[in-house]
């Protein structure tokens, strides 16, 4: 495939790709970088093998890069939040204790979501964090709306089960039953 064909395909779909990447990442400053990476990846792939539909290839590449970007962004933030929680000195204040408890619950939610299978996690994050509709997710991930419903249901059940196991551990600790360190069960 000629370099010109990739460049022309990129020019034709660039505006549409910008919208897609912006919706996924919610960070305008990352859109251009992701689009450039999508172009470079497509260009390199075209040197190795024939690409029948460069526009579709660009779209799929940009979408995957954007999804990878949000996954790494959440992992980084969850890790930083964990480090920040360890550094907090808690004064005697109900409000501060509530904030810390809320941060801990959020960190627990991040851990629960990270343990979901990759496709289920992407669907769950797009729906619950970014507010995508089932139809938007179906178009974005090229899967049926029924599959999306199953992934969301699986994600919710998984998170509920995860939090129930944490609550059970806390009850045991308060009652003095548990002498073992906290275990995460899924």
N, C-alpha and C. Protein backbone atom coordinates (compact mmCIF):
# COMPACT_ATOMS: atom_id res chain seq x y z
N UNK A 1 0.86 -1.18 0.00
CA UNK A 1 0.00 0.00 0.00
C UNK A 1 0.89 1.23 0.00
N UNK A 2 0.52 2.20 -0.74
CA UNK A 2 1.31 3.41 -0.86
C UNK A 2 1.11 4.31 0.35
N UNK A 3 2.16 5.09 0.64
CA UNK A 3 2.09 6.03 1.75
C UNK A 3 0.97 7.04 1.56
N UNK A 4 0.76 7.43 0.30
CA UNK A 4 -0.28 8.42 0.00
C UNK A 4 -1.67 7.93 0.39
N UNK A 5 -1.92 6.63 0.19
CA UNK A 5 -3.24 6.08 0.52
C UNK A 5 -3.51 6.17 2.02
N UNK A 6 -2.51 5.89 2.83
CA UNK A 6 -2.67 5.98 4.28
C UNK A 6 -2.90 7.44 4.67
N UNK A 7 -2.11 8.35 4.10
CA UNK A 7 -2.26 9.77 4.42
C UNK A 7 -3.64 10.29 4.01
N UNK A 8 -4.11 9.91 2.82
CA UNK A 8 -5.44 10.34 2.37
C UNK A 8 -6.54 9.77 3.25
N UNK A 9 -6.40 8.51 3.63
CA UNK A 9 -7.40 7.89 4.52
C UNK A 9 -7.42 8.62 5.86
N UNK A 10 -6.26 8.97 6.36
CA UNK A 10 -6.16 9.68 7.63
C UNK A 10 -6.86 11.05 7.55
N UNK A 11 -6.60 11.76 6.47
CA UNK A 11 -7.23 13.08 6.28
C UNK A 11 -8.75 12.95 6.22
N UNK A 12 -9.24 11.90 5.53
CA UNK A 12 -10.69 11.71 5.39
C UNK A 12 -11.37 11.42 6.73
N UNK A 13 -10.72 10.68 7.61
CA UNK A 13 -11.39 10.25 8.85
C UNK A 13 -10.91 10.97 10.10
N UNK A 14 -9.99 11.91 9.95
CA UNK A 14 -9.37 12.55 11.12
C UNK A 14 -10.40 13.21 12.04
N UNK A 15 -11.36 13.95 11.50
CA UNK A 15 -12.35 14.63 12.34
C UNK A 15 -13.21 13.63 13.10
N UNK A 16 -13.61 12.56 12.43
CA UNK A 16 -14.42 11.53 13.08
C UNK A 16 -13.61 10.84 14.17
N UNK A 17 -12.34 10.56 13.88
CA UNK A 17 -11.47 9.93 14.88
C UNK A 17 -11.27 10.83 16.09
N UNK A 18 -11.13 12.14 15.85
CA UNK A 18 -10.98 13.08 16.97
C UNK A 18 -12.16 12.97 17.92
N UNK A 19 -13.37 12.94 17.36
CA UNK A 19 -14.57 12.84 18.19
C UNK A 19 -14.60 11.55 18.99
N UNK A 20 -14.26 10.46 18.33
CA UNK A 20 -14.26 9.16 19.01
C UNK A 20 -13.24 9.13 20.14
N UNK A 21 -12.03 9.57 19.85
CA UNK A 21 -10.96 9.55 20.87
C UNK A 21 -11.29 10.51 22.00
N UNK A 22 -11.84 11.67 21.69
CA UNK A 22 -12.19 12.65 22.72
C UNK A 22 -13.26 12.08 23.65
N UNK A 23 -14.25 11.38 23.09
CA UNK A 23 -15.31 10.78 23.93
C UNK A 23 -14.74 9.71 24.85
N UNK A 24 -13.80 8.94 24.35
CA UNK A 24 -13.24 7.86 25.16
C UNK A 24 -12.33 8.41 26.25
N UNK A 25 -11.42 9.30 25.89
CA UNK A 25 -10.41 9.75 26.85
C UNK A 25 -10.89 10.87 27.76
N UNK A 26 -11.82 11.70 27.29
CA UNK A 26 -12.30 12.85 28.06
C UNK A 26 -11.17 13.82 28.39
N UNK A 27 -10.06 13.72 27.65
CA UNK A 27 -8.91 14.60 27.89
C UNK A 27 -8.45 15.14 26.54
N UNK A 28 -8.88 16.36 26.18
CA UNK A 28 -8.56 16.92 24.86
C UNK A 28 -7.06 16.99 24.58
N UNK A 29 -6.26 17.16 25.62
CA UNK A 29 -4.81 17.28 25.41
C UNK A 29 -4.18 15.97 24.92
N UNK A 30 -4.87 14.84 25.07
CA UNK A 30 -4.32 13.55 24.64
C UNK A 30 -4.77 13.15 23.23
N UNK A 31 -5.78 13.82 22.69
CA UNK A 31 -6.38 13.41 21.43
C UNK A 31 -5.37 13.41 20.28
N UNK A 32 -4.64 14.50 20.10
CA UNK A 32 -3.70 14.60 18.98
C UNK A 32 -2.60 13.55 19.08
N UNK A 33 -2.10 13.30 20.30
CA UNK A 33 -1.05 12.29 20.47
C UNK A 33 -1.56 10.91 20.07
N UNK A 34 -2.76 10.58 20.49
CA UNK A 34 -3.34 9.28 20.16
C UNK A 34 -3.56 9.16 18.66
N UNK A 35 -4.05 10.22 18.02
CA UNK A 35 -4.26 10.19 16.57
C UNK A 35 -2.94 10.02 15.83
N UNK A 36 -1.90 10.70 16.29
CA UNK A 36 -0.59 10.55 15.65
C UNK A 36 -0.07 9.12 15.80
N UNK A 37 -0.25 8.56 16.99
CA UNK A 37 0.16 7.17 17.21
C UNK A 37 -0.63 6.22 16.31
N UNK A 38 -1.92 6.48 16.14
CA UNK A 38 -2.75 5.64 15.27
C UNK A 38 -2.25 5.71 13.83
N UNK A 39 -1.91 6.90 13.38
CA UNK A 39 -1.39 7.07 12.02
C UNK A 39 -0.07 6.31 11.85
N UNK A 40 0.84 6.48 12.81
CA UNK A 40 2.15 5.82 12.73
C UNK A 40 1.98 4.31 12.76
N UNK A 41 1.14 3.80 13.65
CA UNK A 41 0.91 2.35 13.73
C UNK A 41 0.33 1.81 12.43
N UNK A 42 -0.61 2.56 11.85
CA UNK A 42 -1.23 2.13 10.59
C UNK A 42 -0.20 2.16 9.47
N UNK A 43 0.60 3.20 9.43
CA UNK A 43 1.65 3.33 8.41
C UNK A 43 2.63 2.15 8.51
N UNK A 44 3.06 1.83 9.72
CA UNK A 44 3.99 0.71 9.92
C UNK A 44 3.35 -0.62 9.54
N UNK A 45 2.09 -0.79 9.90
CA UNK A 45 1.38 -2.03 9.57
C UNK A 45 1.24 -2.17 8.05
N UNK A 46 1.02 -1.06 7.35
CA UNK A 46 0.87 -1.09 5.89
C UNK A 46 2.18 -1.46 5.20
N UNK A 47 3.30 -1.18 5.84
CA UNK A 47 4.60 -1.57 5.27
C UNK A 47 4.81 -3.09 5.38
N UNK A 48 4.20 -3.69 6.39
CA UNK A 48 4.39 -5.13 6.62
C UNK A 48 3.38 -5.98 5.86
N UNK A 49 2.16 -5.47 5.71
CA UNK A 49 1.10 -6.25 5.07
C UNK A 49 0.11 -5.31 4.38
N UNK A 50 -0.62 -5.84 3.44
CA UNK A 50 -1.62 -5.07 2.71
C UNK A 50 -2.82 -4.80 3.62
N UNK A 51 -3.25 -3.55 3.67
CA UNK A 51 -4.43 -3.17 4.45
C UNK A 51 -5.55 -2.88 3.45
N UNK A 52 -6.61 -3.69 3.51
CA UNK A 52 -7.71 -3.54 2.56
C UNK A 52 -8.50 -2.25 2.77
N UNK A 53 -8.75 -1.91 4.03
CA UNK A 53 -9.56 -0.73 4.33
C UNK A 53 -8.81 0.13 5.34
N UNK A 54 -7.98 1.06 4.85
CA UNK A 54 -7.15 1.85 5.77
C UNK A 54 -7.97 2.73 6.72
N UNK A 55 -9.13 3.20 6.29
CA UNK A 55 -9.96 4.03 7.17
C UNK A 55 -10.45 3.23 8.37
N UNK A 56 -10.93 2.02 8.11
CA UNK A 56 -11.39 1.17 9.21
C UNK A 56 -10.22 0.78 10.11
N UNK A 57 -9.07 0.51 9.51
CA UNK A 57 -7.89 0.15 10.29
C UNK A 57 -7.47 1.31 11.19
N UNK A 58 -7.48 2.52 10.64
CA UNK A 58 -7.16 3.71 11.44
C UNK A 58 -8.14 3.88 12.60
N UNK A 59 -9.44 3.70 12.31
CA UNK A 59 -10.47 3.87 13.34
C UNK A 59 -10.29 2.85 14.46
N UNK A 60 -10.06 1.61 14.09
CA UNK A 60 -9.89 0.55 15.10
C UNK A 60 -8.62 0.81 15.92
N UNK A 61 -7.55 1.21 15.25
CA UNK A 61 -6.29 1.49 15.94
C UNK A 61 -6.45 2.65 16.91
N UNK A 62 -7.09 3.73 16.46
CA UNK A 62 -7.28 4.91 17.33
C UNK A 62 -8.14 4.55 18.54
N UNK A 63 -9.21 3.78 18.32
CA UNK A 63 -10.09 3.38 19.42
C UNK A 63 -9.33 2.53 20.43
N UNK A 64 -8.56 1.56 19.94
CA UNK A 64 -7.80 0.69 20.85
C UNK A 64 -6.75 1.48 21.63
N UNK A 65 -6.07 2.40 20.96
CA UNK A 65 -5.08 3.23 21.65
C UNK A 65 -5.75 4.09 22.73
N UNK A 66 -6.93 4.64 22.42
CA UNK A 66 -7.64 5.47 23.40
C UNK A 66 -8.07 4.63 24.60
N UNK A 67 -8.58 3.43 24.35
CA UNK A 67 -9.00 2.55 25.45
C UNK A 67 -7.78 2.14 26.30
N UNK A 68 -6.67 1.84 25.64
CA UNK A 68 -5.44 1.53 26.38
C UNK A 68 -5.00 2.72 27.22
N UNK A 69 -5.16 3.90 26.65
CA UNK A 69 -4.77 5.13 27.36
C UNK A 69 -5.59 5.31 28.64
N UNK A 70 -6.92 5.12 28.57
CA UNK A 70 -7.72 5.30 29.78
C UNK A 70 -7.43 4.21 30.80
N UNK A 71 -7.16 3.00 30.32
CA UNK A 71 -6.82 1.93 31.27
C UNK A 71 -5.54 2.27 32.03
N UNK A 72 -4.51 2.72 31.31
CA UNK A 72 -3.25 3.06 31.99
C UNK A 72 -3.43 4.29 32.88
N UNK A 73 -4.28 5.22 32.46
CA UNK A 73 -4.56 6.41 33.27
C UNK A 73 -5.21 6.01 34.60
N UNK A 74 -6.20 5.08 34.55
CA UNK A 74 -6.86 4.65 35.78
C UNK A 74 -5.91 3.85 36.67
N UNK A 75 -5.10 3.00 36.07
CA UNK A 75 -4.15 2.24 36.87
C UNK A 75 -3.18 3.17 37.59
N UNK A 76 -2.68 4.17 36.87
CA UNK A 76 -1.75 5.13 37.46
C UNK A 76 -2.42 5.90 38.59
N UNK A 77 -3.65 6.37 38.37
CA UNK A 77 -4.36 7.13 39.40
C UNK A 77 -4.70 6.27 40.61
N UNK A 78 -5.07 5.02 40.38
CA UNK A 78 -5.38 4.13 41.50
C UNK A 78 -4.12 3.89 42.34
N UNK A 79 -2.99 3.72 41.66
CA UNK A 79 -1.73 3.50 42.37
C UNK A 79 -1.35 4.75 43.17
N UNK A 80 -1.49 5.93 42.55
CA UNK A 80 -1.17 7.17 43.25
C UNK A 80 -2.10 7.39 44.43
N UNK A 81 -3.39 7.04 44.25
CA UNK A 81 -4.34 7.21 45.34
C UNK A 81 -3.96 6.32 46.51
N UNK A 82 -3.52 5.10 46.19
CA UNK A 82 -3.08 4.20 47.25
C UNK A 82 -1.90 4.76 48.01
N UNK A 83 -0.96 5.36 47.29
CA UNK A 83 0.19 5.98 47.95
C UNK A 83 -0.24 7.18 48.78
N UNK A 84 -1.16 7.98 48.26
CA UNK A 84 -1.63 9.17 48.98
C UNK A 84 -2.37 8.79 50.25
N UNK A 85 -3.16 7.72 50.21
CA UNK A 85 -3.92 7.31 51.38
C UNK A 85 -2.98 6.89 52.50
N UNK A 86 -1.86 6.25 52.14
CA UNK A 86 -0.89 5.83 53.15
C UNK A 86 -0.21 7.02 53.82
N UNK A 87 -0.11 8.15 53.13
CA UNK A 87 0.59 9.31 53.65
C UNK A 87 -0.31 10.24 54.47
N UNK A 88 -1.59 9.97 54.54
CA UNK A 88 -2.52 10.86 55.23
C UNK A 88 -2.38 10.69 56.74
N UNK A 89 -2.28 11.80 57.45
CA UNK A 89 -2.32 11.81 58.91
C UNK A 89 -3.74 12.20 59.28
N UNK A 90 -4.42 11.34 60.01
CA UNK A 90 -5.84 11.55 60.26
C UNK A 90 -6.05 12.20 61.63
N UNK A 91 -6.49 13.46 61.63
CA UNK A 91 -6.83 14.09 62.92
C UNK A 91 -8.18 13.56 63.40
N UNK A 92 -8.54 13.87 64.65
CA UNK A 92 -9.83 13.45 65.18
C UNK A 92 -10.93 14.30 64.58
N UNK A 93 -11.45 13.86 63.45
CA UNK A 93 -12.51 14.60 62.78
C UNK A 93 -13.36 13.62 61.99
N UNK A 94 -14.65 13.66 62.24
CA UNK A 94 -15.57 12.78 61.53
C UNK A 94 -15.55 13.05 60.03
N UNK A 95 -15.46 14.33 59.66
CA UNK A 95 -15.46 14.68 58.25
C UNK A 95 -14.24 14.09 57.53
N UNK A 96 -13.08 14.19 58.14
CA UNK A 96 -11.87 13.66 57.53
C UNK A 96 -11.95 12.14 57.47
N UNK A 97 -12.46 11.52 58.53
CA UNK A 97 -12.61 10.07 58.53
C UNK A 97 -13.55 9.62 57.43
N UNK A 98 -14.62 10.37 57.22
CA UNK A 98 -15.55 10.05 56.14
C UNK A 98 -14.88 10.17 54.78
N UNK A 99 -14.05 11.20 54.62
CA UNK A 99 -13.33 11.38 53.36
C UNK A 99 -12.37 10.22 53.11
N UNK A 100 -11.66 9.83 54.13
CA UNK A 100 -10.71 8.72 53.99
C UNK A 100 -11.47 7.43 53.68
N UNK A 101 -12.57 7.21 54.38
CA UNK A 101 -13.38 6.02 54.11
C UNK A 101 -13.88 6.04 52.66
N UNK A 102 -14.29 7.21 52.20
CA UNK A 102 -14.75 7.33 50.82
C UNK A 102 -13.62 7.05 49.84
N UNK A 103 -12.44 7.57 50.12
CA UNK A 103 -11.29 7.30 49.25
C UNK A 103 -10.93 5.81 49.25
N UNK A 104 -11.02 5.20 50.42
CA UNK A 104 -10.74 3.77 50.50
C UNK A 104 -11.76 2.96 49.70
N UNK A 105 -13.02 3.36 49.78
CA UNK A 105 -14.06 2.67 49.01
C UNK A 105 -13.82 2.84 47.52
N UNK A 106 -13.41 4.06 47.12
CA UNK A 106 -13.11 4.29 45.71
C UNK A 106 -11.93 3.43 45.27
N UNK A 107 -10.91 3.35 46.11
CA UNK A 107 -9.75 2.51 45.79
C UNK A 107 -10.17 1.05 45.69
N UNK A 108 -11.04 0.61 46.60
CA UNK A 108 -11.56 -0.76 46.52
C UNK A 108 -12.32 -0.98 45.22
N UNK A 109 -13.10 0.02 44.80
CA UNK A 109 -13.84 -0.09 43.53
C UNK A 109 -12.86 -0.19 42.37
N UNK A 110 -11.81 0.62 42.39
CA UNK A 110 -10.79 0.55 41.33
C UNK A 110 -10.17 -0.85 41.26
N UNK A 111 -9.89 -1.41 42.42
CA UNK A 111 -9.31 -2.75 42.47
C UNK A 111 -10.30 -3.77 41.91
N UNK A 112 -11.56 -3.66 42.31
CA UNK A 112 -12.58 -4.58 41.81
C UNK A 112 -12.71 -4.48 40.30
N UNK A 113 -12.72 -3.27 39.76
CA UNK A 113 -12.87 -3.08 38.32
C UNK A 113 -11.64 -3.60 37.58
N UNK A 114 -10.46 -3.39 38.15
CA UNK A 114 -9.23 -3.87 37.50
C UNK A 114 -9.17 -5.38 37.41
N UNK A 115 -9.90 -6.09 38.28
CA UNK A 115 -9.86 -7.55 38.24
C UNK A 115 -10.87 -8.14 37.27
N UNK A 116 -11.68 -7.29 36.62
CA UNK A 116 -12.60 -7.78 35.60
C UNK A 116 -11.83 -8.20 34.35
N UNK A 117 -12.37 -9.12 33.56
CA UNK A 117 -11.73 -9.45 32.28
C UNK A 117 -11.64 -8.18 31.41
N UNK A 118 -10.63 -8.07 30.54
CA UNK A 118 -10.39 -6.83 29.80
C UNK A 118 -11.60 -6.27 29.04
N UNK A 119 -12.28 -7.09 28.26
CA UNK A 119 -13.41 -6.56 27.49
C UNK A 119 -14.55 -6.15 28.42
N UNK A 120 -14.81 -6.93 29.44
CA UNK A 120 -15.85 -6.59 30.42
C UNK A 120 -15.49 -5.29 31.12
N UNK A 121 -14.22 -5.12 31.48
CA UNK A 121 -13.76 -3.90 32.15
C UNK A 121 -13.97 -2.68 31.25
N UNK A 122 -13.63 -2.80 29.96
CA UNK A 122 -13.79 -1.68 29.03
C UNK A 122 -15.25 -1.28 28.92
N UNK A 123 -16.13 -2.27 28.77
CA UNK A 123 -17.57 -1.99 28.68
C UNK A 123 -18.04 -1.32 29.96
N UNK A 124 -17.66 -1.87 31.10
CA UNK A 124 -18.09 -1.35 32.40
C UNK A 124 -17.62 0.10 32.60
N UNK A 125 -16.37 0.38 32.27
CA UNK A 125 -15.83 1.74 32.43
C UNK A 125 -16.52 2.71 31.47
N UNK A 126 -16.70 2.30 30.21
CA UNK A 126 -17.37 3.19 29.25
C UNK A 126 -18.79 3.51 29.70
N UNK A 127 -19.49 2.55 30.28
CA UNK A 127 -20.87 2.77 30.71
C UNK A 127 -20.94 3.52 32.03
N UNK A 128 -20.24 3.04 33.04
CA UNK A 128 -20.40 3.58 34.39
C UNK A 128 -19.56 4.81 34.67
N UNK A 129 -18.42 4.96 34.01
CA UNK A 129 -17.57 6.12 34.25
C UNK A 129 -17.85 7.23 33.24
N UNK A 130 -17.92 6.84 31.95
CA UNK A 130 -18.09 7.84 30.90
C UNK A 130 -19.53 8.03 30.45
N UNK A 131 -20.44 7.19 30.93
CA UNK A 131 -21.85 7.37 30.64
C UNK A 131 -22.26 7.06 29.21
N UNK A 132 -21.49 6.22 28.52
CA UNK A 132 -21.87 5.85 27.15
C UNK A 132 -23.18 5.06 27.18
N UNK A 133 -23.94 5.18 26.12
CA UNK A 133 -25.15 4.37 25.98
C UNK A 133 -24.73 2.99 25.46
N UNK A 134 -25.65 2.03 25.56
CA UNK A 134 -25.36 0.69 25.05
C UNK A 134 -25.02 0.76 23.56
N UNK A 135 -25.76 1.58 22.84
CA UNK A 135 -25.57 1.70 21.39
C UNK A 135 -24.19 2.28 21.07
N UNK A 136 -23.77 3.31 21.82
CA UNK A 136 -22.44 3.91 21.59
C UNK A 136 -21.33 2.89 21.87
N UNK A 137 -21.50 2.12 22.93
CA UNK A 137 -20.48 1.11 23.26
C UNK A 137 -20.45 0.04 22.17
N UNK A 138 -21.63 -0.36 21.70
CA UNK A 138 -21.71 -1.38 20.64
C UNK A 138 -20.98 -0.91 19.39
N UNK A 139 -21.18 0.33 19.02
CA UNK A 139 -20.49 0.87 17.84
C UNK A 139 -18.99 0.99 18.09
N UNK A 140 -18.63 1.42 19.27
CA UNK A 140 -17.22 1.64 19.62
C UNK A 140 -16.44 0.33 19.68
N UNK A 141 -17.05 -0.71 20.26
CA UNK A 141 -16.32 -1.96 20.49
C UNK A 141 -16.68 -3.05 19.49
N UNK A 142 -17.64 -2.76 18.61
CA UNK A 142 -18.05 -3.72 17.59
C UNK A 142 -18.55 -5.04 18.21
N UNK A 143 -19.41 -4.89 19.24
CA UNK A 143 -20.07 -6.05 19.85
C UNK A 143 -21.55 -5.73 19.99
N UNK A 144 -22.36 -6.75 20.20
CA UNK A 144 -23.81 -6.55 20.27
C UNK A 144 -24.23 -5.88 21.58
N UNK A 145 -25.39 -5.24 21.55
CA UNK A 145 -25.91 -4.60 22.77
C UNK A 145 -26.22 -5.65 23.83
N UNK A 146 -26.62 -6.83 23.42
CA UNK A 146 -26.90 -7.91 24.37
C UNK A 146 -25.62 -8.31 25.11
N UNK A 147 -24.51 -8.37 24.38
CA UNK A 147 -23.22 -8.69 25.00
C UNK A 147 -22.83 -7.59 25.98
N UNK A 148 -23.11 -6.35 25.62
CA UNK A 148 -22.82 -5.22 26.50
C UNK A 148 -23.60 -5.36 27.80
N UNK A 149 -24.89 -5.68 27.69
CA UNK A 149 -25.72 -5.87 28.89
C UNK A 149 -25.13 -6.96 29.79
N UNK A 150 -24.68 -8.05 29.16
CA UNK A 150 -24.09 -9.15 29.94
C UNK A 150 -22.82 -8.70 30.65
N UNK A 151 -21.98 -7.93 29.95
CA UNK A 151 -20.74 -7.45 30.56
C UNK A 151 -21.04 -6.50 31.73
N UNK A 152 -22.00 -5.62 31.56
CA UNK A 152 -22.34 -4.67 32.62
C UNK A 152 -22.90 -5.42 33.83
N UNK A 153 -23.78 -6.38 33.57
CA UNK A 153 -24.34 -7.19 34.66
C UNK A 153 -23.23 -7.95 35.38
N UNK A 154 -22.32 -8.53 34.60
CA UNK A 154 -21.19 -9.27 35.20
C UNK A 154 -20.33 -8.32 36.04
N UNK A 155 -20.08 -7.12 35.53
CA UNK A 155 -19.27 -6.14 36.26
C UNK A 155 -19.92 -5.73 37.57
N UNK A 156 -21.22 -5.47 37.53
CA UNK A 156 -21.94 -5.06 38.74
C UNK A 156 -21.93 -6.20 39.77
N UNK A 157 -22.24 -7.42 39.32
CA UNK A 157 -22.25 -8.56 40.24
C UNK A 157 -20.86 -8.77 40.86
N UNK A 158 -19.84 -8.62 40.03
CA UNK A 158 -18.47 -8.79 40.51
C UNK A 158 -18.14 -7.75 41.59
N UNK A 159 -18.50 -6.50 41.34
CA UNK A 159 -18.21 -5.43 42.31
C UNK A 159 -19.00 -5.62 43.60
N UNK A 160 -20.26 -6.02 43.48
CA UNK A 160 -21.09 -6.27 44.67
C UNK A 160 -20.49 -7.41 45.48
N UNK A 161 -20.09 -8.47 44.81
CA UNK A 161 -19.48 -9.61 45.50
C UNK A 161 -18.16 -9.19 46.18
N UNK A 162 -17.39 -8.39 45.49
CA UNK A 162 -16.11 -7.92 46.03
C UNK A 162 -16.35 -7.09 47.30
N UNK A 163 -17.30 -6.15 47.24
CA UNK A 163 -17.58 -5.31 48.41
C UNK A 163 -18.20 -6.12 49.54
N UNK A 164 -19.01 -7.12 49.22
CA UNK A 164 -19.59 -7.97 50.26
C UNK A 164 -18.49 -8.73 50.99
N UNK A 165 -17.49 -9.20 50.24
CA UNK A 165 -16.39 -9.93 50.90
C UNK A 165 -15.57 -8.99 51.78
N UNK A 166 -15.41 -7.73 51.34
CA UNK A 166 -14.70 -6.75 52.17
C UNK A 166 -15.48 -6.45 53.45
N UNK A 167 -16.80 -6.28 53.31
CA UNK A 167 -17.64 -6.00 54.48
C UNK A 167 -17.62 -7.18 55.45
N UNK A 168 -17.64 -8.39 54.92
CA UNK A 168 -17.59 -9.58 55.77
C UNK A 168 -16.28 -9.63 56.55
N UNK A 169 -15.18 -9.30 55.88
CA UNK A 169 -13.88 -9.26 56.54
C UNK A 169 -13.87 -8.22 57.66
N UNK A 170 -14.46 -7.05 57.40
CA UNK A 170 -14.48 -5.98 58.39
C UNK A 170 -15.30 -6.39 59.61
N UNK A 171 -16.42 -7.06 59.40
CA UNK A 171 -17.25 -7.51 60.52
C UNK A 171 -16.48 -8.52 61.37
N UNK A 172 -15.78 -9.43 60.71
CA UNK A 172 -14.98 -10.42 61.44
C UNK A 172 -13.88 -9.74 62.25
N UNK A 173 -13.23 -8.74 61.65
CA UNK A 173 -12.16 -8.02 62.35
C UNK A 173 -12.70 -7.30 63.58
N UNK A 174 -13.85 -6.66 63.45
CA UNK A 174 -14.42 -5.91 64.58
C UNK A 174 -14.89 -6.83 65.69
N UNK A 175 -15.34 -8.02 65.33
CA UNK A 175 -15.84 -8.93 66.35
C UNK A 175 -14.71 -9.77 66.95
N UNK A 176 -13.50 -9.63 66.40
CA UNK A 176 -12.37 -10.37 66.94
C UNK A 176 -12.26 -11.78 66.41
N UNK A 177 -13.09 -12.14 65.44
CA UNK A 177 -13.05 -13.50 64.89
C UNK A 177 -11.82 -13.69 64.02
N UNK A 178 -11.50 -12.69 63.23
CA UNK A 178 -10.40 -12.82 62.27
C UNK A 178 -9.09 -12.39 62.90
N UNK A 179 -8.16 -13.31 62.96
CA UNK A 179 -6.82 -12.99 63.43
C UNK A 179 -5.83 -13.00 62.27
N UNK A 180 -6.32 -13.35 61.07
CA UNK A 180 -5.48 -13.41 59.89
C UNK A 180 -5.45 -12.05 59.20
N UNK A 181 -4.40 -11.82 58.39
CA UNK A 181 -4.39 -10.58 57.60
C UNK A 181 -5.53 -10.59 56.58
N UNK A 182 -5.94 -9.41 56.15
CA UNK A 182 -7.05 -9.27 55.20
C UNK A 182 -6.70 -9.93 53.87
N UNK A 183 -7.60 -10.77 53.38
CA UNK A 183 -7.42 -11.43 52.10
C UNK A 183 -8.47 -10.89 51.14
N UNK A 184 -8.08 -10.80 49.90
CA UNK A 184 -9.02 -10.35 48.88
C UNK A 184 -9.55 -11.59 48.18
N UNK A 185 -10.87 -11.77 48.25
CA UNK A 185 -11.51 -12.92 47.61
C UNK A 185 -12.40 -12.43 46.48
N UNK A 186 -12.32 -13.10 45.35
CA UNK A 186 -13.17 -12.75 44.21
C UNK A 186 -13.89 -13.96 43.70
